[in-house]
Amino acid sequence: MRRQRFSTVGLAAPGRLPAAIKLEPGGASTKLSLPSLSWPWRPEREQVPEFDRPTVPPPVGNRGNEPAAIVLVIDDSGSTASTDPNGFRYTAARRLVNLLVDGVGGPPLGDRIGVVQFADQPQPWLPLTSVRNKRDRRKVRQALQPLAGGGTSIAPAITRAAHLLAGASDRRQICLLFTDGESIESGYDLRRATERLPFGSLHVVVLGGELPEQWKDVPVGSVNTLTSLSRPDDFEWLLGRALYRSLGLGPWAGPLEPPGPATSALSNHPTFS
């Protein structure tokens, strides 16, 4: 009888192979049938444009396994053409998305991102979208671009964000709001809209000064003031603080403010977009 010869096809730990290797007759030759291997999921790698690379330092500690549903609510009123002519608020938001993909995501990276842009009314918006693959991340990135707007109506935008988050009760729900000015809405309208969100899930970054008087009884998780939008780093770091706090992460170690007056000191986050 002719003896079969075996060759080494690779090394694997016993736990990696769920079944034995099988030899199957294949005519003149013998086919070697290997069991399928189950590998942990990894996000698709792609190069991020340098300007969209996060500069926020990594957090202290781990966030655990709970995925998040995050809605970015961004002011696109007409005044942003002068207060943020370069669209730095969107650069900062894209960096935040890249930060989630690049190491702050809860395994196995089940986070979802939604976008609501507003002026007089909520503008084109993006429902909660996964950041698992390049195609979906491209949708998020395309939504994070400036639009031309009119006045400022914040309550309808918060209500839209609440509708997006309503279907994500199995996730940690976070709403990050940026606005650059006052609106004519009453405190009742703002409070009623905000109460549609989970308590404390709304975090506000306001440009130029404190929130106006009608916000005093609105239940927000945090308020941060941005003096100017001369570069995206400052806004990105304020968003990063709110995000880390919302995810139950400790603050980052190191400086409290972005280094330097420009965006040249980029950290090592070159992996995903």
Protein backbone atom coordinates (compact mmCIF):
# COMPACT_ATOMS: atom_id res chain seq x y z
CA MET A 1 0.00 0.00 0.00
CA ARG A 2 1.23 3.44 -0.86
CA ARG A 3 1.79 5.60 2.24
CA GLN A 4 0.40 9.16 2.33
CA ARG A 5 2.90 11.90 2.97
CA PHE A 6 2.00 15.00 4.98
CA SER A 7 3.61 18.40 4.85
CA THR A 8 3.38 21.17 7.41
CA VAL A 9 0.87 23.77 6.27
CA GLY A 10 1.17 26.12 9.21
CA LEU A 11 1.16 26.36 12.97
CA ALA A 12 -1.91 27.05 15.08
CA ALA A 13 -2.74 26.84 18.73
CA PRO A 14 -5.11 23.98 19.54
CA GLY A 15 -7.90 26.40 20.41
CA ARG A 16 -7.73 27.94 16.93
CA LEU A 17 -8.76 24.78 15.09
CA PRO A 18 -12.31 23.77 15.96
CA ALA A 19 -12.07 20.46 14.03
CA ALA A 20 -9.44 18.05 12.80
CA ILE A 21 -7.71 18.41 9.44
CA LYS A 22 -9.39 16.19 6.84
CA LEU A 23 -7.94 14.42 3.82
CA GLU A 24 -10.39 14.16 0.94
CA PRO A 25 -9.88 11.99 -2.17
CA GLY A 26 -9.29 14.16 -5.20
CA GLY A 27 -8.51 11.94 -8.17
CA ALA A 28 -4.81 11.60 -8.81
CA SER A 29 -3.98 13.82 -5.85
CA THR A 30 -5.27 14.24 -2.33
CA LYS A 31 -6.97 17.49 -1.22
CA LEU A 32 -6.12 18.90 2.16
CA SER A 33 -9.26 20.37 3.77
CA LEU A 34 -8.69 22.86 6.59
CA PRO A 35 -11.45 23.99 8.95
CA SER A 36 -12.43 27.66 8.74
CA LEU A 37 -10.77 29.90 11.29
CA SER A 38 -12.79 32.51 13.18
CA TRP A 39 -10.78 35.69 13.65
CA PRO A 40 -11.78 38.76 15.70
CA TRP A 41 -13.31 41.50 13.55
CA ARG A 42 -11.01 44.33 12.58
CA PRO A 43 -12.05 47.61 10.92
CA GLU A 44 -10.95 48.12 7.35
CA ARG A 45 -7.77 50.14 7.26
CA GLU A 46 -7.51 53.24 5.15
CA GLN A 47 -5.40 56.35 5.30
CA VAL A 48 -7.03 59.38 6.92
CA PRO A 49 -6.36 62.81 5.39
CA GLU A 50 -3.79 64.46 7.65
CA PHE A 51 -6.04 67.37 8.57
CA ASP A 52 -8.75 64.94 9.77
CA ARG A 53 -6.43 63.00 12.06
CA PRO A 54 -7.43 63.33 15.73
CA THR A 55 -5.21 65.37 18.04
CA VAL A 56 -7.08 64.50 21.26
CA PRO A 57 -4.90 62.39 23.59
CA PRO A 58 -6.01 58.82 24.38
CA PRO A 59 -8.20 58.43 27.45
CA VAL A 60 -7.20 57.04 30.81
CA GLY A 61 -8.79 53.64 31.37
CA ASN A 62 -11.14 51.53 29.28
CA ARG A 63 -14.74 52.21 28.36
CA GLY A 64 -16.03 48.64 28.44
CA ASN A 65 -18.18 46.77 25.94
CA GLU A 66 -21.26 48.99 25.71
CA PRO A 67 -21.61 50.48 22.21
CA ALA A 68 -22.71 54.09 21.78
CA ALA A 69 -25.19 55.94 19.62
CA ILE A 70 -23.92 59.48 19.05
CA VAL A 71 -25.72 62.28 17.23
CA LEU A 72 -23.76 65.37 16.20
CA VAL A 73 -26.09 68.40 16.04
CA ILE A 74 -24.32 71.21 14.20
CA ASP A 75 -25.30 74.84 13.66
CA ASP A 76 -25.42 75.80 9.97
CA SER A 77 -27.16 79.16 10.37
CA GLY A 78 -26.14 82.04 8.15
CA SER A 79 -23.88 83.54 10.83
CA THR A 80 -21.53 80.54 10.64
CA ALA A 81 -20.33 81.86 7.28
CA SER A 82 -18.47 84.53 9.24
CA THR A 83 -17.86 82.80 12.59
CA ASP A 84 -16.53 79.62 10.97
CA PRO A 85 -15.74 80.41 7.31
CA ASN A 86 -13.33 77.46 7.05
CA GLY A 87 -15.81 74.87 8.32
CA PHE A 88 -13.53 73.92 11.23
CA ARG A 89 -16.53 72.67 13.23
CA TYR A 90 -16.88 69.90 10.65
CA THR A 91 -13.17 69.14 10.66
CA ALA A 92 -13.39 68.70 14.44
CA ALA A 93 -16.46 66.45 14.08
CA ARG A 94 -14.73 64.25 11.47
CA ARG A 95 -11.74 63.92 13.79
CA LEU A 96 -14.09 62.81 16.53
CA VAL A 97 -15.49 60.07 14.30
CA ASN A 98 -11.96 58.94 13.41
CA LEU A 99 -11.11 58.93 17.11
CA LEU A 100 -14.00 56.56 17.80
CA VAL A 101 -12.82 54.17 15.10
CA ASP A 102 -9.19 54.44 16.07
CA GLY A 103 -9.25 53.23 19.63
CA VAL A 104 -12.10 54.64 21.71
CA GLY A 105 -14.65 52.28 20.22
CA GLY A 106 -16.19 49.68 22.49
CA PRO A 107 -15.30 46.23 21.21
CA PRO A 108 -16.33 45.05 18.73
CA LEU A 109 -16.73 48.64 17.54
CA GLY A 110 -20.51 48.72 17.50
CA ASP A 111 -20.79 52.52 17.71
CA ARG A 112 -23.17 54.38 15.43
CA ILE A 113 -23.03 58.04 14.38
CA GLY A 114 -25.89 60.30 13.31
CA VAL A 115 -25.71 63.88 12.02
CA VAL A 116 -28.28 66.70 12.24
CA GLN A 117 -27.49 70.08 10.68
CA PHE A 118 -29.77 72.99 11.42
CA ALA A 119 -30.59 76.58 10.61
CA ASP A 120 -34.27 77.62 10.54
CA GLN A 121 -35.12 73.90 10.48
CA PRO A 122 -33.13 70.66 10.61
CA GLN A 123 -31.26 70.39 7.33
CA PRO A 124 -30.24 67.20 5.46
CA TRP A 125 -29.41 64.67 8.13
CA LEU A 126 -27.86 61.25 8.51
CA PRO A 127 -29.52 58.47 10.56
CA LEU A 128 -27.45 56.42 12.97
CA THR A 129 -24.76 54.83 10.81
CA SER A 130 -22.17 52.21 11.71
CA VAL A 131 -18.45 53.05 11.60
CA ARG A 132 -17.45 49.42 10.94
CA ASN A 133 -16.54 49.70 7.26
CA LYS A 134 -15.20 52.21 4.78
CA ARG A 135 -18.47 52.61 2.92
CA ASP A 136 -20.42 53.63 6.02
CA ARG A 137 -17.63 55.86 7.29
CA ARG A 138 -17.69 57.58 3.91
CA LYS A 139 -21.39 58.36 4.43
CA VAL A 140 -20.63 59.94 7.80
CA ARG A 141 -17.73 61.92 6.37
CA GLN A 142 -19.85 63.21 3.47
CA ALA A 143 -22.56 64.35 5.89
CA LEU A 144 -20.03 66.35 7.89
CA GLN A 145 -19.68 69.20 5.40
CA PRO A 146 -20.89 72.83 5.77
CA LEU A 147 -24.25 73.91 4.35
CA ALA A 148 -25.71 77.37 3.74
CA GLY A 149 -28.37 78.31 6.27
CA GLY A 150 -30.69 81.04 7.52
CA GLY A 151 -31.78 81.64 11.10
CA THR A 152 -31.17 79.59 14.25
CA SER A 153 -33.80 77.13 15.53
CA ILE A 154 -32.24 74.73 17.99
CA ALA A 155 -35.26 72.95 19.50
CA PRO A 156 -36.37 71.24 16.24
CA ALA A 157 -32.81 69.98 15.72
CA ILE A 158 -32.70 68.52 19.24
CA THR A 159 -36.09 66.90 18.61
CA ARG A 160 -34.76 65.33 15.40
CA ALA A 161 -31.74 64.01 17.31
CA ALA A 162 -34.08 62.52 19.92
CA HIS A 163 -36.00 60.72 17.17
CA LEU A 164 -32.74 59.28 15.82
CA LEU A 165 -31.71 58.06 19.27
CA ALA A 166 -35.13 56.64 20.14
CA GLY A 167 -34.34 53.38 18.33
CA ALA A 168 -31.01 52.90 20.11
CA SER A 169 -32.15 52.03 23.62
CA ASP A 170 -29.61 49.18 23.71
CA ARG A 171 -26.73 51.66 23.43
CA ARG A 172 -25.28 54.52 25.44
CA GLN A 173 -26.99 57.58 23.94
CA ILE A 174 -25.06 60.82 23.44
CA CYS A 175 -26.03 64.10 21.77
CA LEU A 176 -23.32 66.68 21.05
CA LEU A 177 -24.67 70.12 20.10
CA PHE A 178 -22.71 73.03 18.66
CA THR A 179 -24.27 76.47 18.24
CA ASP A 180 -22.72 79.88 17.58
CA GLY A 181 -25.49 82.19 18.72
CA GLU A 182 -28.73 82.89 20.45
CA SER A 183 -32.11 81.86 19.15
CA ILE A 184 -35.53 83.38 19.74
CA GLU A 185 -36.85 80.13 21.19
CA SER A 186 -38.29 80.08 24.68
CA GLY A 187 -36.83 78.14 27.57
CA TYR A 188 -39.97 76.00 27.53
CA ASP A 189 -39.38 74.96 23.89
CA LEU A 190 -35.73 74.14 24.54
CA ARG A 191 -36.51 72.24 27.73
CA ARG A 192 -39.33 70.28 26.12
CA ALA A 193 -37.08 69.23 23.22
CA THR A 194 -34.18 68.30 25.51
CA GLU A 195 -36.39 66.23 27.79
CA ARG A 196 -36.98 63.88 24.86
CA LEU A 197 -33.34 62.81 25.27
CA PRO A 198 -32.02 60.59 28.07
CA PHE A 199 -31.30 62.78 31.08
CA GLY A 200 -27.86 64.38 30.91
CA SER A 201 -27.06 63.04 27.44
CA LEU A 202 -27.00 66.49 25.77
CA HIS A 203 -23.61 68.22 25.78
CA VAL A 204 -23.38 71.75 24.38
CA VAL A 205 -20.45 73.67 22.92
CA VAL A 206 -21.36 77.34 22.46
CA LEU A 207 -19.26 79.78 20.44
CA GLY A 208 -18.51 83.26 21.74
CA GLY A 209 -20.08 83.30 25.20
CA GLU A 210 -22.29 81.61 27.73
CA LEU A 211 -25.63 80.07 26.87
CA PRO A 212 -28.42 82.68 26.98
CA GLU A 213 -30.87 83.02 29.87
CA GLN A 214 -33.54 80.74 28.41
CA TRP A 215 -31.18 77.76 28.84
CA LYS A 216 -30.94 78.05 32.63
CA ASP A 217 -33.55 75.34 33.34
CA VAL A 218 -32.66 73.08 30.40
CA PRO A 219 -31.25 69.71 31.62
CA VAL A 220 -27.87 69.42 29.89
CA GLY A 221 -24.98 67.14 30.74
CA SER A 222 -22.31 69.80 30.22
CA VAL A 223 -21.70 73.19 28.63
CA ASN A 224 -18.36 74.30 27.17
CA THR A 225 -17.58 77.72 25.77
CA LEU A 226 -15.44 78.24 22.67
CA THR A 227 -14.10 81.76 22.23
CA SER A 228 -13.33 81.44 18.51
CA LEU A 229 -13.08 78.94 15.67
CA SER A 230 -9.67 79.96 14.39
CA ARG A 231 -8.58 76.31 14.27
CA PRO A 232 -10.36 72.97 14.65
CA ASP A 233 -8.17 71.71 17.50
CA ASP A 234 -9.87 73.76 20.23
CA PHE A 235 -13.34 72.59 19.24
CA GLU A 236 -12.13 69.01 18.82
CA TRP A 237 -10.73 68.96 22.37
CA LEU A 238 -13.97 70.32 23.85
CA LEU A 239 -15.93 67.65 21.98
CA GLY A 240 -13.40 65.06 23.12
CA ARG A 241 -13.90 65.97 26.78
CA ALA A 242 -17.67 65.70 26.44
CA LEU A 243 -17.37 62.40 24.56
CA TYR A 244 -14.98 60.82 27.08
CA ARG A 245 -17.21 61.89 29.96
CA SER A 246 -20.28 60.47 28.21
CA LEU A 247 -18.53 57.14 27.58
CA GLY A 248 -17.53 56.82 31.23
CA LEU A 249 -13.85 57.34 30.45
CA GLY A 250 -11.39 59.20 32.60
CA PRO A 251 -9.81 62.40 31.28
CA TRP A 252 -6.69 62.13 29.22
CA ALA A 253 -3.27 62.51 30.78
CA GLY A 254 -1.14 65.45 29.72
CA PRO A 255 -2.05 68.97 28.57
CA LEU A 256 -5.56 70.35 28.98
CA GLU A 257 -5.32 72.49 25.86
CA PRO A 258 -4.18 71.67 22.31
CA PRO A 259 -0.46 72.28 21.84
CA GLY A 260 0.69 75.25 19.79
CA PRO A 261 -1.21 77.87 17.80
CA ALA A 262 -1.58 75.70 14.69
CA THR A 263 -2.53 72.17 13.75
CA SER A 264 1.00 71.01 12.98
CA ALA A 265 1.39 68.92 16.16
CA LEU A 266 -0.76 65.98 15.08
CA SER A 267 -0.83 62.84 17.14
CA ASN A 268 -0.36 59.34 15.81
CA HIS A 269 -3.84 58.53 14.52
CA PRO A 270 -3.17 57.70 10.85
CA THR A 271 -5.32 54.63 10.47
CA PHE A 272 -8.97 55.12 9.56
CA SER A 273 -11.45 57.54 8.03
